[in-house]
Amino acid sequence: MPLEVRNVITNAVYRCEVCGKLTSTPIIYKTCCMNKPVILCSRECLNKWLSEWVKNQDQIINRSQNIARKPLRKFHL
């Protein structure tokens, strides 16, 4: 699950990655699978981003489970 990052530079302006608004009081989240943190302007944008992130994670998990369930092809020589 994503973790909230609390270290924010106070004199900087950030752009929300969901809606594109500029904000000086961002909500910053980082996940284990992403190299750069996600910057969000509000809890509403956080909820949108989080629901999309969870949906993508579910698709990755389902895809890997489906690959494991497929039978191997038999090659006849």
N, C-alpha and C. Protein backbone atom coordinates (compact mmCIF):
# COMPACT_ATOMS: atom_id res chain seq x y z
N MET A 1 0.84 -1.19 0.00
CA MET A 1 0.00 0.00 0.00
C MET A 1 0.88 1.25 0.00
N PRO A 2 0.38 2.31 -0.57
CA PRO A 2 1.14 3.56 -0.60
C PRO A 2 1.32 4.15 0.80
N LEU A 3 2.45 4.80 0.98
CA LEU A 3 2.74 5.47 2.25
C LEU A 3 2.81 6.97 2.03
N GLU A 4 2.27 7.72 2.98
CA GLU A 4 2.31 9.18 2.88
C GLU A 4 3.68 9.68 3.31
N VAL A 5 4.23 10.61 2.51
CA VAL A 5 5.52 11.22 2.80
C VAL A 5 5.24 12.56 3.46
N ARG A 6 5.87 12.82 4.59
CA ARG A 6 5.58 14.04 5.35
C ARG A 6 6.58 15.16 5.07
N ASN A 7 7.74 14.89 4.50
CA ASN A 7 8.77 15.91 4.27
C ASN A 7 8.40 16.73 3.03
N VAL A 8 7.92 17.94 3.25
CA VAL A 8 7.51 18.82 2.16
C VAL A 8 8.28 20.13 2.28
N ILE A 9 8.82 20.59 1.16
CA ILE A 9 9.51 21.89 1.14
C ILE A 9 8.43 22.97 1.21
N THR A 10 8.53 23.87 2.18
CA THR A 10 7.44 24.82 2.44
C THR A 10 7.33 25.92 1.39
N ASN A 11 8.43 26.35 0.78
CA ASN A 11 8.38 27.46 -0.16
C ASN A 11 8.20 27.01 -1.61
N ALA A 12 7.94 25.75 -1.84
CA ALA A 12 7.81 25.22 -3.20
C ALA A 12 6.35 25.12 -3.61
N VAL A 13 6.14 25.10 -4.91
CA VAL A 13 4.80 24.90 -5.46
C VAL A 13 4.83 23.59 -6.24
N TYR A 14 3.83 22.76 -6.03
CA TYR A 14 3.76 21.44 -6.64
C TYR A 14 2.55 21.35 -7.56
N ARG A 15 2.64 20.48 -8.57
CA ARG A 15 1.52 20.25 -9.47
C ARG A 15 0.90 18.89 -9.18
N CYS A 16 -0.43 18.87 -9.03
CA CYS A 16 -1.16 17.63 -8.76
C CYS A 16 -1.09 16.73 -9.99
N GLU A 17 -0.83 15.45 -9.77
CA GLU A 17 -0.71 14.51 -10.88
C GLU A 17 -2.07 13.99 -11.35
N VAL A 18 -3.14 14.28 -10.62
CA VAL A 18 -4.47 13.84 -11.04
C VAL A 18 -5.19 14.94 -11.82
N CYS A 19 -5.27 16.14 -11.24
CA CYS A 19 -6.05 17.22 -11.88
C CYS A 19 -5.18 18.32 -12.48
N GLY A 20 -3.91 18.39 -12.14
CA GLY A 20 -3.01 19.38 -12.72
C GLY A 20 -2.98 20.72 -12.00
N LYS A 21 -3.70 20.88 -10.90
CA LYS A 21 -3.70 22.14 -10.16
C LYS A 21 -2.36 22.34 -9.44
N LEU A 22 -2.00 23.61 -9.26
CA LEU A 22 -0.82 23.95 -8.48
C LEU A 22 -1.20 24.08 -7.01
N THR A 23 -0.34 23.59 -6.13
CA THR A 23 -0.61 23.67 -4.70
C THR A 23 0.69 23.85 -3.92
N SER A 24 0.60 24.58 -2.83
CA SER A 24 1.77 24.73 -1.96
C SER A 24 1.68 23.81 -0.74
N THR A 25 0.54 23.15 -0.58
CA THR A 25 0.36 22.19 0.52
C THR A 25 -0.05 20.84 -0.06
N PRO A 26 0.90 20.13 -0.65
CA PRO A 26 0.56 18.87 -1.32
C PRO A 26 0.42 17.70 -0.36
N ILE A 27 -0.22 16.67 -0.85
CA ILE A 27 -0.26 15.36 -0.20
C ILE A 27 0.65 14.49 -1.06
N ILE A 28 1.70 13.95 -0.47
CA ILE A 28 2.69 13.20 -1.23
C ILE A 28 2.65 11.74 -0.79
N TYR A 29 2.54 10.84 -1.78
CA TYR A 29 2.51 9.41 -1.51
C TYR A 29 3.59 8.72 -2.32
N LYS A 30 4.12 7.65 -1.77
CA LYS A 30 5.12 6.84 -2.45
C LYS A 30 4.75 5.38 -2.28
N THR A 31 4.92 4.60 -3.33
CA THR A 31 4.69 3.16 -3.24
C THR A 31 6.01 2.44 -3.45
N CYS A 32 6.02 1.16 -3.13
CA CYS A 32 7.26 0.40 -3.26
C CYS A 32 7.63 0.16 -4.72
N CYS A 33 6.65 0.21 -5.61
CA CYS A 33 6.92 -0.12 -7.02
C CYS A 33 7.15 1.12 -7.88
N MET A 34 7.11 2.32 -7.28
CA MET A 34 7.31 3.55 -8.04
C MET A 34 8.56 4.26 -7.54
N ASN A 35 9.37 4.75 -8.48
CA ASN A 35 10.62 5.42 -8.09
C ASN A 35 10.40 6.84 -7.62
N LYS A 36 9.37 7.51 -8.13
CA LYS A 36 9.15 8.89 -7.72
C LYS A 36 7.83 9.01 -6.98
N PRO A 37 7.74 9.92 -6.02
CA PRO A 37 6.50 10.08 -5.26
C PRO A 37 5.39 10.71 -6.12
N VAL A 38 4.15 10.45 -5.73
CA VAL A 38 2.99 11.02 -6.40
C VAL A 38 2.54 12.24 -5.60
N ILE A 39 2.34 13.36 -6.29
CA ILE A 39 1.96 14.60 -5.63
C ILE A 39 0.49 14.87 -5.94
N LEU A 40 -0.28 15.10 -4.89
CA LEU A 40 -1.72 15.31 -5.02
C LEU A 40 -2.11 16.59 -4.29
N CYS A 41 -3.18 17.24 -4.77
CA CYS A 41 -3.56 18.53 -4.19
C CYS A 41 -4.62 18.41 -3.10
N SER A 42 -5.41 17.35 -3.09
CA SER A 42 -6.51 17.25 -2.13
C SER A 42 -6.82 15.79 -1.83
N ARG A 43 -7.66 15.59 -0.83
CA ARG A 43 -8.10 14.23 -0.49
C ARG A 43 -8.95 13.63 -1.61
N GLU A 44 -9.67 14.47 -2.33
CA GLU A 44 -10.48 13.99 -3.46
C GLU A 44 -9.57 13.40 -4.55
N CYS A 45 -8.49 14.11 -4.87
CA CYS A 45 -7.54 13.59 -5.85
C CYS A 45 -6.84 12.34 -5.31
N LEU A 46 -6.57 12.31 -4.01
CA LEU A 46 -5.97 11.13 -3.40
C LEU A 46 -6.88 9.93 -3.57
N ASN A 47 -8.17 10.09 -3.32
CA ASN A 47 -9.12 8.98 -3.47
C ASN A 47 -9.18 8.50 -4.92
N LYS A 48 -9.17 9.42 -5.89
CA LYS A 48 -9.18 9.03 -7.30
C LYS A 48 -7.92 8.25 -7.65
N TRP A 49 -6.77 8.79 -7.24
CA TRP A 49 -5.51 8.13 -7.56
C TRP A 49 -5.41 6.76 -6.88
N LEU A 50 -5.81 6.69 -5.62
CA LEU A 50 -5.73 5.45 -4.87
C LEU A 50 -6.62 4.37 -5.46
N SER A 51 -7.83 4.74 -5.88
CA SER A 51 -8.72 3.74 -6.49
C SER A 51 -8.15 3.23 -7.80
N GLU A 52 -7.52 4.10 -8.60
CA GLU A 52 -6.88 3.69 -9.85
C GLU A 52 -5.69 2.79 -9.56
N TRP A 53 -4.90 3.15 -8.54
CA TRP A 53 -3.73 2.36 -8.19
C TRP A 53 -4.13 0.96 -7.74
N VAL A 54 -5.15 0.87 -6.89
CA VAL A 54 -5.61 -0.44 -6.40
C VAL A 54 -6.14 -1.27 -7.56
N LYS A 55 -6.88 -0.64 -8.47
CA LYS A 55 -7.40 -1.35 -9.64
C LYS A 55 -6.26 -1.91 -10.48
N ASN A 56 -5.21 -1.12 -10.69
CA ASN A 56 -4.06 -1.60 -11.46
C ASN A 56 -3.34 -2.73 -10.75
N GLN A 57 -3.21 -2.65 -9.44
CA GLN A 57 -2.57 -3.72 -8.68
C GLN A 57 -3.37 -5.01 -8.77
N ASP A 58 -4.71 -4.91 -8.70
CA ASP A 58 -5.56 -6.09 -8.84
C ASP A 58 -5.39 -6.73 -10.21
N GLN A 59 -5.26 -5.91 -11.26
CA GLN A 59 -5.06 -6.45 -12.60
C GLN A 59 -3.73 -7.16 -12.71
N ILE A 60 -2.70 -6.61 -12.09
CA ILE A 60 -1.39 -7.26 -12.12
C ILE A 60 -1.44 -8.60 -11.40
N ILE A 61 -2.10 -8.65 -10.25
CA ILE A 61 -2.21 -9.89 -9.49
C ILE A 61 -3.02 -10.92 -10.27
N ASN A 62 -4.15 -10.50 -10.84
CA ASN A 62 -4.98 -11.43 -11.61
C ASN A 62 -4.25 -11.95 -12.83
N ARG A 63 -3.48 -11.11 -13.50
CA ARG A 63 -2.74 -11.53 -14.69
C ARG A 63 -1.70 -12.57 -14.32
N SER A 64 -0.99 -12.35 -13.21
CA SER A 64 0.04 -13.31 -12.82
C SER A 64 -0.58 -14.63 -12.37
N GLN A 65 -1.75 -14.61 -11.76
CA GLN A 65 -2.42 -15.84 -11.36
C GLN A 65 -2.92 -16.60 -12.58
N ASN A 66 -3.41 -15.89 -13.60
CA ASN A 66 -3.88 -16.56 -14.81
C ASN A 66 -2.75 -17.20 -15.58
N ILE A 67 -1.58 -16.57 -15.58
CA ILE A 67 -0.43 -17.16 -16.25
C ILE A 67 -0.02 -18.45 -15.56
N ALA A 68 -0.08 -18.46 -14.24
CA ALA A 68 0.32 -19.65 -13.49
C ALA A 68 -0.66 -20.79 -13.68
N ARG A 69 -1.93 -20.49 -13.96
CA ARG A 69 -2.95 -21.54 -14.12
C ARG A 69 -2.97 -22.16 -15.51
N LYS A 70 -2.44 -21.48 -16.52
CA LYS A 70 -2.50 -22.01 -17.88
C LYS A 70 -1.64 -23.26 -17.98
N PRO A 71 -2.17 -24.29 -18.61
CA PRO A 71 -1.36 -25.51 -18.76
C PRO A 71 -0.25 -25.29 -19.79
N LEU A 72 0.83 -25.98 -19.59
CA LEU A 72 1.93 -25.89 -20.52
C LEU A 72 1.60 -26.66 -21.79
N ARG A 73 2.05 -26.15 -22.92
CA ARG A 73 1.83 -26.85 -24.18
C ARG A 73 2.75 -28.05 -24.25
N LYS A 74 2.23 -29.12 -24.80
CA LYS A 74 3.05 -30.31 -24.97
C LYS A 74 3.60 -30.30 -26.39
N PHE A 75 4.88 -30.48 -26.49
CA PHE A 75 5.52 -30.54 -27.79
C PHE A 75 5.79 -31.99 -28.13
N HIS A 76 5.32 -32.41 -29.28
CA HIS A 76 5.56 -33.78 -29.72
C HIS A 76 6.65 -33.77 -30.79
N LEU A 77 7.65 -34.55 -30.55
CA LEU A 77 8.76 -34.62 -31.50
C LEU A 77 8.68 -35.85 -32.35
